[in-house]
Amino acid sequence: MTTNPETKQQFWLTHIQQAEQSGVSLKRYAEQNNVRPDDLYGWRSRLRRQGVLAKRENIVPKKSAMFARVIASSPSLNGAAIQLQVGEVTLHLPCLPDPLWLVRLVSTLAAPL
């Protein structure tokens, strides 16, 4: 690869676009294409800051907390059920799940692909 800044930028832009179209994670794409994942992530951030790549909207930062108001149908939570609606998918749970499992589930669903 040459040291020309425009050529370098185009090199990484092409890789990032191909990675996004591939449907695999940037890390996996990097492994498959012999590029460093850190470079791929770094260039994606740089190109977004420069306006070369569109910024992704509605992305929840990994370290942010998400809360939803829960209203129990009875004073006791024993025997309570939970229903989660994510897009077109509805998840019915006959009892309240472990809170840590629920946090991991929500974090996974909110994470960018």
PDB file of N, CA and C in Angstrom:
ATOM      1  N   MET A   1       0.857  -1.173   0.000  1.00  0.00           N
ATOM      2  CA  MET A   1       0.000   0.000   0.000  1.00  0.00           C
ATOM      3  C   MET A   1       0.898   1.228   0.000  1.00  0.00           C
ATOM      4  N   THR A   2       0.541   2.226  -0.795  1.00  0.00           N
ATOM      5  CA  THR A   2       1.340   3.443  -0.860  1.00  0.00           C
ATOM      6  C   THR A   2       1.009   4.342   0.313  1.00  0.00           C
ATOM      7  N   THR A   3       1.830   5.389   0.505  1.00  0.00           N
ATOM      8  CA  THR A   3       1.619   6.294   1.631  1.00  0.00           C
ATOM      9  C   THR A   3       0.774   7.504   1.253  1.00  0.00           C
ATOM     10  N   ASN A   4       0.289   7.578   0.018  1.00  0.00           N
ATOM     11  CA  ASN A   4      -0.580   8.661  -0.411  1.00  0.00           C
ATOM     12  C   ASN A   4      -1.842   8.646   0.465  1.00  0.00           C
ATOM     13  N   PRO A   5      -2.141   9.759   1.172  1.00  0.00           N
ATOM     14  CA  PRO A   5      -3.296   9.768   2.095  1.00  0.00           C
ATOM     15  C   PRO A   5      -4.621   9.415   1.427  1.00  0.00           C
ATOM     16  N   GLU A   6      -4.856   9.889   0.202  1.00  0.00           N
ATOM     17  CA  GLU A   6      -6.120   9.590  -0.474  1.00  0.00           C
ATOM     18  C   GLU A   6      -6.210   8.105  -0.816  1.00  0.00           C
ATOM     19  N   THR A   7      -5.100   7.523  -1.233  1.00  0.00           N
ATOM     20  CA  THR A   7      -5.083   6.101  -1.571  1.00  0.00           C
ATOM     21  C   THR A   7      -5.306   5.264  -0.311  1.00  0.00           C
ATOM     22  N   LYS A   8      -4.689   5.659   0.790  1.00  0.00           N
ATOM     23  CA  LYS A   8      -4.846   4.960   2.064  1.00  0.00           C
ATOM     24  C   LYS A   8      -6.296   5.046   2.536  1.00  0.00           C
ATOM     25  N   GLN A   9      -6.874   6.244   2.432  1.00  0.00           N
ATOM     26  CA  GLN A   9      -8.265   6.422   2.830  1.00  0.00           C
ATOM     27  C   GLN A   9      -9.182   5.562   1.975  1.00  0.00           C
ATOM     28  N   GLN A  10      -8.949   5.530   0.676  1.00  0.00           N
ATOM     29  CA  GLN A  10      -9.786   4.727  -0.222  1.00  0.00           C
ATOM     30  C   GLN A  10      -9.637   3.236   0.079  1.00  0.00           C
ATOM     31  N   PHE A  11      -8.426   2.799   0.404  1.00  0.00           N
ATOM     32  CA  PHE A  11      -8.167   1.409   0.770  1.00  0.00           C
ATOM     33  C   PHE A  11      -9.052   0.995   1.943  1.00  0.00           C
ATOM     34  N   TRP A  12      -9.047   1.821   3.013  1.00  0.00           N
ATOM     35  CA  TRP A  12      -9.817   1.484   4.206  1.00  0.00           C
ATOM     36  C   TRP A  12     -11.312   1.663   3.985  1.00  0.00           C
ATOM     37  N   LEU A  13     -11.706   2.671   3.217  1.00  0.00           N
ATOM     38  CA  LEU A  13     -13.114   2.872   2.909  1.00  0.00           C
ATOM     39  C   LEU A  13     -13.674   1.647   2.179  1.00  0.00           C
ATOM     40  N   THR A  14     -12.926   1.146   1.215  1.00  0.00           N
ATOM     41  CA  THR A  14     -13.347  -0.039   0.467  1.00  0.00           C
ATOM     42  C   THR A  14     -13.508  -1.235   1.399  1.00  0.00           C
ATOM     43  N   HIS A  15     -12.529  -1.449   2.282  1.00  0.00           N
ATOM     44  CA  HIS A  15     -12.613  -2.568   3.219  1.00  0.00           C
ATOM     45  C   HIS A  15     -13.821  -2.427   4.151  1.00  0.00           C
ATOM     46  N   ILE A  16     -14.064  -1.235   4.661  1.00  0.00           N
ATOM     47  CA  ILE A  16     -15.179  -1.024   5.584  1.00  0.00           C
ATOM     48  C   ILE A  16     -16.510  -1.268   4.877  1.00  0.00           C
ATOM     49  N   GLN A  17     -16.642  -0.767   3.664  1.00  0.00           N
ATOM     50  CA  GLN A  17     -17.876  -0.980   2.912  1.00  0.00           C
ATOM     51  C   GLN A  17     -18.091  -2.467   2.613  1.00  0.00           C
ATOM     52  N   GLN A  18     -17.018  -3.157   2.238  1.00  0.00           N
ATOM     53  CA  GLN A  18     -17.133  -4.591   1.970  1.00  0.00           C
ATOM     54  C   GLN A  18     -17.474  -5.361   3.242  1.00  0.00           C
ATOM     55  N   ALA A  19     -16.900  -4.941   4.372  1.00  0.00           N
ATOM     56  CA  ALA A  19     -17.186  -5.600   5.649  1.00  0.00           C
ATOM     57  C   ALA A  19     -18.662  -5.427   6.004  1.00  0.00           C
ATOM     58  N   GLU A  20     -19.191  -4.217   5.844  1.00  0.00           N
ATOM     59  CA  GLU A  20     -20.586  -3.966   6.172  1.00  0.00           C
ATOM     60  C   GLU A  20     -21.529  -4.750   5.267  1.00  0.00           C
ATOM     61  N   GLN A  21     -21.155  -4.912   4.005  1.00  0.00           N
ATOM     62  CA  GLN A  21     -21.985  -5.657   3.067  1.00  0.00           C
ATOM     63  C   GLN A  21     -21.875  -7.167   3.286  1.00  0.00           C
ATOM     64  N   SER A  22     -20.781  -7.613   3.897  1.00  0.00           N
ATOM     65  CA  SER A  22     -20.562  -9.048   4.083  1.00  0.00           C
ATOM     66  C   SER A  22     -21.488  -9.657   5.122  1.00  0.00           C
ATOM     67  N   GLY A  23     -21.968  -8.835   6.047  1.00  0.00           N
ATOM     68  CA  GLY A  23     -22.849  -9.355   7.081  1.00  0.00           C
ATOM     69  C   GLY A  23     -22.125  -9.974   8.262  1.00  0.00           C
ATOM     70  N   VAL A  24     -20.795  -9.986   8.244  1.00  0.00           N
ATOM     71  CA  VAL A  24     -20.039 -10.502   9.385  1.00  0.00           C
ATOM     72  C   VAL A  24     -19.500  -9.322  10.188  1.00  0.00           C
ATOM     73  N   SER A  25     -19.033  -9.597  11.390  1.00  0.00           N
ATOM     74  CA  SER A  25     -18.492  -8.535  12.228  1.00  0.00           C
ATOM     75  C   SER A  25     -17.208  -7.984  11.603  1.00  0.00           C
ATOM     76  N   LEU A  26     -16.843  -6.764  12.003  1.00  0.00           N
ATOM     77  CA  LEU A  26     -15.594  -6.190  11.500  1.00  0.00           C
ATOM     78  C   LEU A  26     -14.399  -7.051  11.896  1.00  0.00           C
ATOM     79  N   LYS A  27     -14.431  -7.589  13.105  1.00  0.00           N
ATOM     80  CA  LYS A  27     -13.334  -8.445  13.559  1.00  0.00           C
ATOM     81  C   LYS A  27     -13.198  -9.668  12.656  1.00  0.00           C
ATOM     82  N   ARG A  28     -14.309 -10.319  12.372  1.00  0.00           N
ATOM     83  CA  ARG A  28     -14.284 -11.514  11.517  1.00  0.00           C
ATOM     84  C   ARG A  28     -13.827 -11.146  10.105  1.00  0.00           C
ATOM     85  N   TYR A  29     -14.330 -10.045   9.580  1.00  0.00           N
ATOM     86  CA  TYR A  29     -13.924  -9.597   8.250  1.00  0.00           C
ATOM     87  C   TYR A  29     -12.413  -9.354   8.209  1.00  0.00           C
ATOM     88  N   ALA A  30     -11.905  -8.696   9.249  1.00  0.00           N
ATOM     89  CA  ALA A  30     -10.465  -8.408   9.313  1.00  0.00           C
ATOM     90  C   ALA A  30      -9.659  -9.700   9.294  1.00  0.00           C
ATOM     91  N   GLU A  31     -10.092 -10.687  10.062  1.00  0.00           N
ATOM     92  CA  GLU A  31      -9.387 -11.973  10.086  1.00  0.00           C
ATOM     93  C   GLU A  31      -9.400 -12.639   8.715  1.00  0.00           C
ATOM     94  N   GLN A  32     -10.521 -12.549   8.029  1.00  0.00           N
ATOM     95  CA  GLN A  32     -10.660 -13.178   6.722  1.00  0.00           C
ATOM     96  C   GLN A  32      -9.852 -12.460   5.639  1.00  0.00           C
ATOM     97  N   ASN A  33      -9.530 -11.181   5.859  1.00  0.00           N
ATOM     98  CA  ASN A  33      -8.886 -10.380   4.821  1.00  0.00           C
ATOM     99  C   ASN A  33      -7.507  -9.874   5.212  1.00  0.00           C
ATOM    100  N   ASN A  34      -6.931 -10.477   6.243  1.00  0.00           N
ATOM    101  CA  ASN A  34      -5.560 -10.156   6.664  1.00  0.00           C
ATOM    102  C   ASN A  34      -5.321  -8.673   6.915  1.00  0.00           C
ATOM    103  N   VAL A  35      -6.263  -8.047   7.617  1.00  0.00           N
ATOM    104  CA  VAL A  35      -6.061  -6.678   8.087  1.00  0.00           C
ATOM    105  C   VAL A  35      -6.278  -6.685   9.595  1.00  0.00           C
ATOM    106  N   ARG A  36      -5.670  -5.751  10.286  1.00  0.00           N
ATOM    107  CA  ARG A  36      -5.796  -5.678  11.740  1.00  0.00           C
ATOM    108  C   ARG A  36      -7.179  -5.133  12.114  1.00  0.00           C
ATOM    109  N   PRO A  37      -7.889  -5.832  13.001  1.00  0.00           N
ATOM    110  CA  PRO A  37      -9.203  -5.340  13.423  1.00  0.00           C
ATOM    111  C   PRO A  37      -9.130  -3.924  13.994  1.00  0.00           C
ATOM    112  N   ASP A  38      -8.079  -3.629  14.778  1.00  0.00           N
ATOM    113  CA  ASP A  38      -7.944  -2.286  15.354  1.00  0.00           C
ATOM    114  C   ASP A  38      -7.852  -1.220  14.269  1.00  0.00           C
ATOM    115  N   ASP A  39      -7.154  -1.525  13.185  1.00  0.00           N
ATOM    116  CA  ASP A  39      -7.061  -0.570  12.075  1.00  0.00           C
ATOM    117  C   ASP A  39      -8.428  -0.358  11.423  1.00  0.00           C
ATOM    118  N   LEU A  40      -9.154  -1.441  11.239  1.00  0.00           N
ATOM    119  CA  LEU A  40     -10.473  -1.356  10.611  1.00  0.00           C
ATOM    120  C   LEU A  40     -11.431  -0.521  11.464  1.00  0.00           C
ATOM    121  N   TYR A  41     -11.461  -0.791  12.775  1.00  0.00           N
ATOM    122  CA  TYR A  41     -12.317  -0.012  13.674  1.00  0.00           C
ATOM    123  C   TYR A  41     -11.879   1.454  13.712  1.00  0.00           C
ATOM    124  N   GLY A  42     -10.572   1.666  13.784  1.00  0.00           N
ATOM    125  CA  GLY A  42     -10.052   3.029  13.837  1.00  0.00           C
ATOM    126  C   GLY A  42     -10.383   3.829  12.591  1.00  0.00           C
ATOM    127  N   TRP A  43     -10.191   3.219  11.434  1.00  0.00           N
ATOM    128  CA  TRP A  43     -10.504   3.922  10.190  1.00  0.00           C
ATOM    129  C   TRP A  43     -11.999   4.157  10.029  1.00  0.00           C
ATOM    130  N   ARG A  44     -12.816   3.226  10.494  1.00  0.00           N
ATOM    131  CA  ARG A  44     -14.265   3.443  10.416  1.00  0.00           C
ATOM    132  C   ARG A  44     -14.645   4.669  11.245  1.00  0.00           C
ATOM    133  N   SER A  45     -14.088   4.764  12.446  1.00  0.00           N
ATOM    134  CA  SER A  45     -14.370   5.932  13.298  1.00  0.00           C
ATOM    135  C   SER A  45     -13.872   7.216  12.652  1.00  0.00           C
ATOM    136  N   ARG A  46     -12.663   7.175  12.126  1.00  0.00           N
ATOM    137  CA  ARG A  46     -12.078   8.360  11.492  1.00  0.00           C
ATOM    138  C   ARG A  46     -12.915   8.812  10.300  1.00  0.00           C
ATOM    139  N   LEU A  47     -13.317   7.866   9.463  1.00  0.00           N
ATOM    140  CA  LEU A  47     -14.086   8.216   8.269  1.00  0.00           C
ATOM    141  C   LEU A  47     -15.483   8.730   8.631  1.00  0.00           C
ATOM    142  N   ARG A  48     -16.040   8.240   9.714  1.00  0.00           N
ATOM    143  CA  ARG A  48     -17.336   8.777  10.171  1.00  0.00           C
ATOM    144  C   ARG A  48     -17.167  10.197  10.678  1.00  0.00           C
ATOM    145  N   ARG A  49     -16.109  10.441  11.455  1.00  0.00           N
ATOM    146  CA  ARG A  49     -15.868  11.800  11.963  1.00  0.00           C
ATOM    147  C   ARG A  49     -15.656  12.774  10.813  1.00  0.00           C
ATOM    148  N   GLN A  50     -14.989  12.332   9.757  1.00  0.00           N
ATOM    149  CA  GLN A  50     -14.711  13.192   8.610  1.00  0.00           C
ATOM    150  C   GLN A  50     -15.924  13.352   7.694  1.00  0.00           C
ATOM    151  N   GLY A  51     -16.975  12.569   7.939  1.00  0.00           N
ATOM    152  CA  GLY A  51     -18.168  12.655   7.113  1.00  0.00           C
ATOM    153  C   GLY A  51     -18.084  11.837   5.839  1.00  0.00           C
ATOM    154  N   VAL A  52     -17.031  11.044   5.693  1.00  0.00           N
ATOM    155  CA  VAL A  52     -16.897  10.193   4.507  1.00  0.00           C
ATOM    156  C   VAL A  52     -17.877   9.027   4.598  1.00  0.00           C
ATOM    157  N   LEU A  53     -18.034   8.485   5.795  1.00  0.00           N
ATOM    158  CA  LEU A  53     -19.024   7.433   6.054  1.00  0.00           C
ATOM    159  C   LEU A  53     -20.171   8.041   6.852  1.00  0.00           C
ATOM    160  N   ALA A  54     -21.367   7.601   6.573  1.00  0.00           N
ATOM    161  CA  ALA A  54     -22.524   8.085   7.326  1.00  0.00           C
ATOM    162  C   ALA A  54     -22.423   7.588   8.755  1.00  0.00           C
ATOM    163  N   LYS A  55     -22.798   8.452   9.687  1.00  0.00           N
ATOM    164  CA  LYS A  55     -22.824   8.055  11.091  1.00  0.00           C
ATOM    165  C   LYS A  55     -24.039   7.185  11.317  1.00  0.00           C
ATOM    166  N   ARG A  56     -23.855   6.164  12.117  1.00  0.00           N
ATOM    167  CA  ARG A  56     -24.960   5.258  12.419  1.00  0.00           C
ATOM    168  C   ARG A  56     -25.836   5.897  13.476  1.00  0.00           C
ATOM    169  N   GLU A  57     -27.122   5.937  13.228  1.00  0.00           N
ATOM    170  CA  GLU A  57     -28.079   6.509  14.166  1.00  0.00           C
ATOM    171  C   GLU A  57     -28.647   5.409  15.051  1.00  0.00           C
ATOM    172  N   ASN A  58     -29.150   5.814  16.185  1.00  0.00           N
ATOM    173  CA  ASN A  58     -29.847   4.923  17.110  1.00  0.00           C
ATOM    174  C   ASN A  58     -28.986   3.772  17.606  1.00  0.00           C
ATOM    175  N   ILE A  59     -27.708   4.017  17.753  1.00  0.00           N
ATOM    176  CA  ILE A  59     -26.835   3.001  18.322  1.00  0.00           C
ATOM    177  C   ILE A  59     -26.699   3.292  19.806  1.00  0.00           C
ATOM    178  N   VAL A  60     -26.933   2.284  20.607  1.00  0.00           N
ATOM    179  CA  VAL A  60     -26.817   2.440  22.049  1.00  0.00           C
ATOM    180  C   VAL A  60     -25.370   2.181  22.427  1.00  0.00           C
ATOM    181  N   PRO A  61     -24.695   3.138  23.057  1.00  0.00           N
ATOM    182  CA  PRO A  61     -23.321   2.897  23.479  1.00  0.00           C
ATOM    183  C   PRO A  61     -23.255   1.688  24.398  1.00  0.00           C
ATOM    184  N   LYS A  62     -22.177   0.921  24.280  1.00  0.00           N
ATOM    185  CA  LYS A  62     -22.062  -0.323  25.020  1.00  0.00           C
ATOM    186  C   LYS A  62     -22.164  -0.142  26.522  1.00  0.00           C
ATOM    187  N   LYS A  63     -21.676   0.974  27.048  1.00  0.00           N
ATOM    188  CA  LYS A  63     -21.641   1.150  28.488  1.00  0.00           C
ATOM    189  C   LYS A  63     -22.831   1.939  29.016  1.00  0.00           C
ATOM    190  N   SER A  64     -23.815   2.220  28.189  1.00  0.00           N
ATOM    191  CA  SER A  64     -24.969   2.971  28.677  1.00  0.00           C
ATOM    192  C   SER A  64     -25.973   2.007  29.301  1.00  0.00           C
ATOM    193  N   ALA A  65     -26.768   2.511  30.176  1.00  0.00           N
ATOM    194  CA  ALA A  65     -27.793   1.705  30.828  1.00  0.00           C
ATOM    195  C   ALA A  65     -29.132   1.982  30.176  1.00  0.00           C
ATOM    196  N   MET A  66     -29.931   0.975  30.067  1.00  0.00           N
ATOM    197  CA  MET A  66     -31.278   1.129  29.523  1.00  0.00           C
ATOM    198  C   MET A  66     -32.269   0.651  30.572  1.00  0.00           C
ATOM    199  N   PHE A  67     -33.312   1.412  30.782  1.00  0.00           N
ATOM    200  CA  PHE A  67     -34.310   1.058  31.763  1.00  0.00           C
ATOM    201  C   PHE A  67     -35.685   1.091  31.121  1.00  0.00           C
ATOM    202  N   ALA A  68     -36.548   0.215  31.574  1.00  0.00           N
ATOM    203  CA  ALA A  68     -37.930   0.207  31.140  1.00  0.00           C
ATOM    204  C   ALA A  68     -38.801   0.083  32.372  1.00  0.00           C
ATOM    205  N   ARG A  69     -39.868   0.839  32.402  1.00  0.00           N
ATOM    206  CA  ARG A  69     -40.768   0.784  33.543  1.00  0.00           C
ATOM    207  C   ARG A  69     -41.526  -0.540  33.516  1.00  0.00           C
ATOM    208  N   VAL A  70     -41.555  -1.206  34.649  1.00  0.00           N
ATOM    209  CA  VAL A  70     -42.261  -2.476  34.780  1.00  0.00           C
ATOM    210  C   VAL A  70     -43.394  -2.270  35.769  1.00  0.00           C
ATOM    211  N   ILE A  71     -44.586  -2.648  35.354  1.00  0.00           N
ATOM    212  CA  ILE A  71     -45.745  -2.539  36.229  1.00  0.00           C
ATOM    213  C   ILE A  71     -46.262  -3.952  36.465  1.00  0.00           C
ATOM    214  N   ALA A  72     -46.225  -4.371  37.720  1.00  0.00           N
ATOM    215  CA  ALA A  72     -46.705  -5.712  38.073  1.00  0.00           C
ATOM    216  C   ALA A  72     -48.220  -5.710  38.086  1.00  0.00           C
ATOM    217  N   SER A  73     -48.826  -6.801  37.616  1.00  0.00           N
ATOM    218  CA  SER A  73     -50.278  -6.888  37.600  1.00  0.00           C
ATOM    219  C   SER A  73     -50.837  -7.261  38.962  1.00  0.00           C
ATOM    220  N   SER A  74     -49.949  -7.699  39.857  1.00  0.00           N
ATOM    221  CA  SER A  74     -50.377  -8.008  41.218  1.00  0.00           C
ATOM    222  C   SER A  74     -49.312  -7.507  42.181  1.00  0.00           C
ATOM    223  N   PRO A  75     -49.640  -7.312  43.447  1.00  0.00           N
ATOM    224  CA  PRO A  75     -48.648  -6.801  44.397  1.00  0.00           C
ATOM    225  C   PRO A  75     -47.427  -7.701  44.508  1.00  0.00           C
ATOM    226  N   SER A  76     -47.589  -8.995  44.312  1.00  0.00           N
ATOM    227  CA  SER A  76     -46.473  -9.928  44.406  1.00  0.00           C
ATOM    228  C   SER A  76     -45.975 -10.256  43.005  1.00  0.00           C
ATOM    229  N   LEU A  77     -44.663 -10.400  42.838  1.00  0.00           N
ATOM    230  CA  LEU A  77     -44.110 -10.765  41.536  1.00  0.00           C
ATOM    231  C   LEU A  77     -44.111 -12.272  41.327  1.00  0.00           C
ATOM    232  N   ASN A  78     -44.518 -13.037  42.341  1.00  0.00           N
ATOM    233  CA  ASN A  78     -44.591 -14.493  42.175  1.00  0.00           C
ATOM    234  C   ASN A  78     -45.623 -14.817  41.108  1.00  0.00           C
ATOM    235  N   GLY A  79     -45.238 -15.652  40.169  1.00  0.00           N
ATOM    236  CA  GLY A  79     -46.150 -16.051  39.106  1.00  0.00           C
ATOM    237  C   GLY A  79     -46.284 -15.022  37.998  1.00  0.00           C
ATOM    238  N   ALA A  80     -45.502 -13.940  38.038  1.00  0.00           N
ATOM    239  CA  ALA A  80     -45.575 -12.913  36.995  1.00  0.00           C
ATOM    240  C   ALA A  80     -44.939 -13.443  35.714  1.00  0.00           C
ATOM    241  N   ALA A  81     -45.383 -12.941  34.609  1.00  0.00           N
ATOM    242  CA  ALA A  81     -44.830 -13.296  33.303  1.00  0.00           C
ATOM    243  C   ALA A  81     -44.302 -12.024  32.652  1.00  0.00           C
ATOM    244  N   ILE A  82     -43.485 -12.207  31.632  1.00  0.00           N
ATOM    245  CA  ILE A  82     -42.925 -11.051  30.929  1.00  0.00           C
ATOM    246  C   ILE A  82     -43.040 -11.291  29.431  1.00  0.00           C
ATOM    247  N   GLN A  83     -43.295 -10.227  28.695  1.00  0.00           N
ATOM    248  CA  GLN A  83     -43.371 -10.287  27.248  1.00  0.00           C
ATOM    249  C   GLN A  83     -42.491  -9.172  26.697  1.00  0.00           C
ATOM    250  N   LEU A  84     -41.539  -9.530  25.828  1.00  0.00           N
ATOM    251  CA  LEU A  84     -40.644  -8.555  25.208  1.00  0.00           C
ATOM    252  C   LEU A  84     -40.959  -8.475  23.730  1.00  0.00           C
ATOM    253  N   GLN A  85     -41.094  -7.265  23.221  1.00  0.00           N
ATOM    254  CA  GLN A  85     -41.331  -7.044  21.801  1.00  0.00           C
ATOM    255  C   GLN A  85     -40.097  -6.367  21.224  1.00  0.00           C
ATOM    256  N   VAL A  86     -39.404  -7.028  20.298  1.00  0.00           N
ATOM    257  CA  VAL A  86     -38.221  -6.477  19.638  1.00  0.00           C
ATOM    258  C   VAL A  86     -38.477  -6.562  18.139  1.00  0.00           C
ATOM    259  N   GLY A  87     -38.797  -5.422  17.543  1.00  0.00           N
ATOM    260  CA  GLY A  87     -39.133  -5.434  16.122  1.00  0.00           C
ATOM    261  C   GLY A  87     -40.365  -6.286  15.898  1.00  0.00           C
ATOM    262  N   GLU A  88     -40.225  -7.290  15.036  1.00  0.00           N
ATOM    263  CA  GLU A  88     -41.350  -8.180  14.744  1.00  0.00           C
ATOM    264  C   GLU A  88     -41.318  -9.449  15.596  1.00  0.00           C
ATOM    265  N   VAL A  89     -40.380  -9.526  16.513  1.00  0.00           N
ATOM    266  CA  VAL A  89     -40.224 -10.715  17.349  1.00  0.00           C
ATOM    267  C   VAL A  89     -40.794 -10.450  18.738  1.00  0.00           C
ATOM    268  N   THR A  90     -41.611 -11.378  19.209  1.00  0.00           N
ATOM    269  CA  THR A  90     -42.161 -11.292  20.558  1.00  0.00           C
ATOM    270  C   THR A  90     -41.649 -12.484  21.354  1.00  0.00           C
ATOM    271  N   LEU A  91     -41.115 -12.203  22.524  1.00  0.00           N
ATOM    272  CA  LEU A  91     -40.584 -13.237  23.398  1.00  0.00           C
ATOM    273  C   LEU A  91     -41.469 -13.308  24.634  1.00  0.00           C
ATOM    274  N   HIS A  92     -42.099 -14.470  24.863  1.00  0.00           N
ATOM    275  CA  HIS A  92     -42.964 -14.682  26.025  1.00  0.00           C
ATOM    276  C   HIS A  92     -42.198 -15.519  27.036  1.00  0.00           C
ATOM    277  N   LEU A  93     -42.078 -15.022  28.254  1.00  0.00           N
ATOM    278  CA  LEU A  93     -41.427 -15.763  29.326  1.00  0.00           C
ATOM    279  C   LEU A  93     -42.460 -16.009  30.411  1.00  0.00           C
ATOM    280  N   PRO A  94     -42.679 -17.265  30.798  1.00  0.00           N
ATOM    281  CA  PRO A  94     -43.733 -17.570  31.772  1.00  0.00           C
ATOM    282  C   PRO A  94     -43.421 -17.083  33.187  1.00  0.00           C
ATOM    283  N   CYS A  95     -42.155 -16.747  33.444  1.00  0.00           N
ATOM    284  CA  CYS A  95     -41.789 -16.220  34.754  1.00  0.00           C
ATOM    285  C   CYS A  95     -40.688 -15.182  34.561  1.00  0.00           C
ATOM    286  N   LEU A  96     -40.426 -14.417  35.578  1.00  0.00           N
ATOM    287  CA  LEU A  96     -39.386 -13.401  35.481  1.00  0.00           C
ATOM    288  C   LEU A  96     -38.016 -14.063  35.364  1.00  0.00           C
ATOM    289  N   PRO A  97     -37.214 -13.672  34.387  1.00  0.00           N
ATOM    290  CA  PRO A  97     -35.894 -14.278  34.222  1.00  0.00           C
ATOM    291  C   PRO A  97     -34.893 -13.692  35.216  1.00  0.00           C
ATOM    292  N   ASP A  98     -33.746 -14.318  35.282  1.00  0.00           N
ATOM    293  CA  ASP A  98     -32.647 -13.786  36.076  1.00  0.00           C
ATOM    294  C   ASP A  98     -32.305 -12.389  35.550  1.00  0.00           C
ATOM    295  N   PRO A  99     -32.182 -11.384  36.406  1.00  0.00           N
ATOM    296  CA  PRO A  99     -31.920 -10.018  35.944  1.00  0.00           C
ATOM    297  C   PRO A  99     -30.658  -9.895  35.103  1.00  0.00           C
ATOM    298  N   LEU A 100     -29.603 -10.622  35.458  1.00  0.00           N
ATOM    299  CA  LEU A 100     -28.366 -10.547  34.668  1.00  0.00           C
ATOM    300  C   LEU A 100     -28.563 -11.114  33.265  1.00  0.00           C
ATOM    301  N   TRP A 101     -29.344 -12.185  33.153  1.00  0.00           N
ATOM    302  CA  TRP A 101     -29.638 -12.751  31.842  1.00  0.00           C
ATOM    303  C   TRP A 101     -30.403 -11.735  31.002  1.00  0.00           C
ATOM    304  N   LEU A 102     -31.358 -11.064  31.627  1.00  0.00           N
ATOM    305  CA  LEU A 102     -32.157 -10.071  30.916  1.00  0.00           C
ATOM    306  C   LEU A 102     -31.300  -8.897  30.450  1.00  0.00           C
ATOM    307  N   VAL A 103     -30.371  -8.449  31.289  1.00  0.00           N
ATOM    308  CA  VAL A 103     -29.451  -7.369  30.905  1.00  0.00           C
ATOM    309  C   VAL A 103     -28.605  -7.804  29.719  1.00  0.00           C
ATOM    310  N   ARG A 104     -28.078  -9.031  29.750  1.00  0.00           N
ATOM    311  CA  ARG A 104     -27.261  -9.537  28.626  1.00  0.00           C
ATOM    312  C   ARG A 104     -28.092  -9.628  27.351  1.00  0.00           C
ATOM    313  N   LEU A 105     -29.333 -10.078  27.464  1.00  0.00           N
ATOM    314  CA  LEU A 105     -30.211 -10.186  26.300  1.00  0.00           C
ATOM    315  C   LEU A 105     -30.447  -8.815  25.680  1.00  0.00           C
ATOM    316  N   VAL A 106     -30.815  -7.838  26.495  1.00  0.00           N
ATOM    317  CA  VAL A 106     -31.091  -6.498  25.994  1.00  0.00           C
ATOM    318  C   VAL A 106     -29.817  -5.891  25.394  1.00  0.00           C
ATOM    319  N   SER A 107     -28.669  -6.078  26.046  1.00  0.00           N
ATOM    320  CA  SER A 107     -27.410  -5.549  25.522  1.00  0.00           C
ATOM    321  C   SER A 107     -27.075  -6.161  24.168  1.00  0.00           C
ATOM    322  N   THR A 108     -27.302  -7.460  24.039  1.00  0.00           N
ATOM    323  CA  THR A 108     -27.023  -8.142  22.779  1.00  0.00           C
ATOM    324  C   THR A 108     -27.945  -7.647  21.672  1.00  0.00           C
ATOM    325  N   LEU A 109     -29.223  -7.468  21.986  1.00  0.00           N
ATOM    326  CA  LEU A 109     -30.173  -6.992  20.978  1.00  0.00           C
ATOM    327  C   LEU A 109     -29.883  -5.557  20.570  1.00  0.00           C
ATOM    328  N   ALA A 110     -29.356  -4.759  21.486  1.00  0.00           N
ATOM    329  CA  ALA A 110     -29.096  -3.353  21.195  1.00  0.00           C
ATOM    330  C   ALA A 110     -27.755  -3.139  20.514  1.00  0.00           C
ATOM    331  N   ALA A 111     -26.883  -4.142  20.537  1.00  0.00           N
ATOM    332  CA  ALA A 111     -25.542  -3.998  19.967  1.00  0.00           C
ATOM    333  C   ALA A 111     -25.600  -3.948  18.449  1.00  0.00           C
ATOM    334  N   PRO A 112     -24.724  -3.119  17.848  1.00  0.00           N
ATOM    335  CA  PRO A 112     -24.666  -3.087  16.384  1.00  0.00           C
ATOM    336  C   PRO A 112     -24.132  -4.395  15.862  1.00  0.00           C
ATOM    337  N   LEU A 113     -24.573  -4.750  14.672  1.00  0.00           N
ATOM    338  CA  LEU A 113     -24.099  -5.990  14.052  1.00  0.00           C
ATOM    339  C   LEU A 113     -22.720  -5.850  13.504  1.00  0.00           C
TER     340      LEU A 113
END
